[in-house]
Amino acid sequence: MANTPDIRPVGDLPDEIGKTAARELSCNGISSLEQVATHSKKELLSIHGVGPKAIAILEDALAAKGLRYRES
């Protein structure tokens, strides 16, 4: 298995989402919680490397800022 470069921190995204999720979100132009909030869970889960664990962590971080995922 190839090593995944660790590009964290990415904006204000929590490090706990993991290096692969952080990298893939960044590659898809998502580098802030405000940008995460413009997407639905389903859209984010379709990004390689973004799984249920990252979605749950991001959801908690969004809630802490008074934000939430876009409705599908």
C-alpha atoms as a PDB file:
ATOM      1  CA  MET A   1       0.000   0.000   0.000  1.00  0.00           C
ATOM      2  CA  ALA A   2       1.362   3.409  -0.985  1.00  0.00           C
ATOM      3  CA  ASN A   3       1.935   6.069   1.626  1.00  0.00           C
ATOM      4  CA  THR A   4      -0.653   8.836   1.576  1.00  0.00           C
ATOM      5  CA  PRO A   5       0.888  12.299   1.846  1.00  0.00           C
ATOM      6  CA  ASP A   6      -0.326  14.150   4.918  1.00  0.00           C
ATOM      7  CA  ILE A   7      -1.357  17.640   3.847  1.00  0.00           C
ATOM      8  CA  ARG A   8      -3.136  18.529   7.080  1.00  0.00           C
ATOM      9  CA  PRO A   9      -4.173  20.968   8.312  1.00  0.00           C
ATOM     10  CA  VAL A  10      -6.622  21.812   5.539  1.00  0.00           C
ATOM     11  CA  GLY A  11      -8.375  25.063   6.360  1.00  0.00           C
ATOM     12  CA  ASP A  12     -10.511  24.596   9.450  1.00  0.00           C
ATOM     13  CA  LEU A  13     -11.307  20.934   8.751  1.00  0.00           C
ATOM     14  CA  PRO A  14     -10.674  18.754  11.811  1.00  0.00           C
ATOM     15  CA  ASP A  15      -7.487  16.645  11.655  1.00  0.00           C
ATOM     16  CA  GLU A  16      -9.463  13.695  13.023  1.00  0.00           C
ATOM     17  CA  ILE A  17     -11.054  13.079   9.599  1.00  0.00           C
ATOM     18  CA  GLY A  18      -7.770  11.493   8.526  1.00  0.00           C
ATOM     19  CA  LYS A  19      -5.137  12.351   5.983  1.00  0.00           C
ATOM     20  CA  THR A  20      -6.819  10.647   3.023  1.00  0.00           C
ATOM     21  CA  ALA A  21     -10.154  12.377   3.587  1.00  0.00           C
ATOM     22  CA  ALA A  22      -8.425  15.734   4.111  1.00  0.00           C
ATOM     23  CA  ARG A  23      -6.409  15.334   0.912  1.00  0.00           C
ATOM     24  CA  GLU A  24      -9.376  14.231  -1.183  1.00  0.00           C
ATOM     25  CA  LEU A  25     -11.634  16.997   0.101  1.00  0.00           C
ATOM     26  CA  SER A  26      -8.906  19.517  -0.696  1.00  0.00           C
ATOM     27  CA  CYS A  27      -8.474  18.054  -4.195  1.00  0.00           C
ATOM     28  CA  ASN A  28     -12.205  18.564  -4.669  1.00  0.00           C
ATOM     29  CA  GLY A  29     -11.993  22.231  -3.672  1.00  0.00           C
ATOM     30  CA  ILE A  30     -13.287  21.748  -0.128  1.00  0.00           C
ATOM     31  CA  SER A  31     -11.023  23.302   2.479  1.00  0.00           C
ATOM     32  CA  SER A  32     -13.403  24.785   5.046  1.00  0.00           C
ATOM     33  CA  LEU A  33     -16.414  23.770   7.082  1.00  0.00           C
ATOM     34  CA  GLU A  34     -18.438  26.427   5.267  1.00  0.00           C
ATOM     35  CA  GLN A  35     -17.635  24.645   1.989  1.00  0.00           C
ATOM     36  CA  VAL A  36     -18.497  21.260   3.539  1.00  0.00           C
ATOM     37  CA  ALA A  37     -21.919  22.685   4.481  1.00  0.00           C
ATOM     38  CA  THR A  38     -22.699  23.351   0.796  1.00  0.00           C
ATOM     39  CA  HIS A  39     -22.642  19.591   0.141  1.00  0.00           C
ATOM     40  CA  SER A  40     -24.898  16.735   1.184  1.00  0.00           C
ATOM     41  CA  LYS A  41     -23.593  13.698   3.023  1.00  0.00           C
ATOM     42  CA  LYS A  42     -24.258  11.635  -0.099  1.00  0.00           C
ATOM     43  CA  GLU A  43     -22.131  13.969  -2.238  1.00  0.00           C
ATOM     44  CA  LEU A  44     -19.256  13.840   0.219  1.00  0.00           C
ATOM     45  CA  LEU A  45     -19.460  10.062   0.584  1.00  0.00           C
ATOM     46  CA  SER A  46     -19.044   9.778  -3.190  1.00  0.00           C
ATOM     47  CA  ILE A  47     -15.547  11.273  -2.857  1.00  0.00           C
ATOM     48  CA  HIS A  48     -12.888   8.572  -2.635  1.00  0.00           C
ATOM     49  CA  GLY A  49     -11.407   8.465   0.862  1.00  0.00           C
ATOM     50  CA  VAL A  50     -14.358  10.142   2.587  1.00  0.00           C
ATOM     51  CA  GLY A  51     -16.225   7.548   4.623  1.00  0.00           C
ATOM     52  CA  PRO A  52     -18.810   7.369   7.389  1.00  0.00           C
ATOM     53  CA  LYS A  53     -16.232   8.141  10.101  1.00  0.00           C
ATOM     54  CA  ALA A  54     -15.139  11.372   8.388  1.00  0.00           C
ATOM     55  CA  ILE A  55     -18.791  12.317   7.799  1.00  0.00           C
ATOM     56  CA  ALA A  56     -19.589  11.896  11.516  1.00  0.00           C
ATOM     57  CA  ILE A  57     -16.540  13.920  12.575  1.00  0.00           C
ATOM     58  CA  LEU A  58     -17.363  16.669  10.084  1.00  0.00           C
ATOM     59  CA  GLU A  59     -20.991  16.692  11.248  1.00  0.00           C
ATOM     60  CA  ASP A  60     -19.879  17.349  14.836  1.00  0.00           C
ATOM     61  CA  ALA A  61     -17.535  20.122  13.666  1.00  0.00           C
ATOM     62  CA  LEU A  62     -20.308  21.681  11.566  1.00  0.00           C
ATOM     63  CA  ALA A  63     -22.723  21.612  14.520  1.00  0.00           C
ATOM     64  CA  ALA A  64     -20.150  23.325  16.735  1.00  0.00           C
ATOM     65  CA  LYS A  65     -20.164  26.220  14.236  1.00  0.00           C
ATOM     66  CA  GLY A  66     -23.949  26.254  13.839  1.00  0.00           C
ATOM     67  CA  LEU A  67     -23.738  24.666  10.394  1.00  0.00           C
ATOM     68  CA  ARG A  68     -25.090  21.464   8.882  1.00  0.00           C
ATOM     69  CA  TYR A  69     -24.918  19.446   5.701  1.00  0.00           C
ATOM     70  CA  ARG A  70     -27.024  20.535   2.739  1.00  0.00           C
ATOM     71  CA  GLU A  71     -30.176  18.466   2.362  1.00  0.00           C
ATOM     72  CA  SER A  72     -29.982  15.898  -0.449  1.00  0.00           C
END
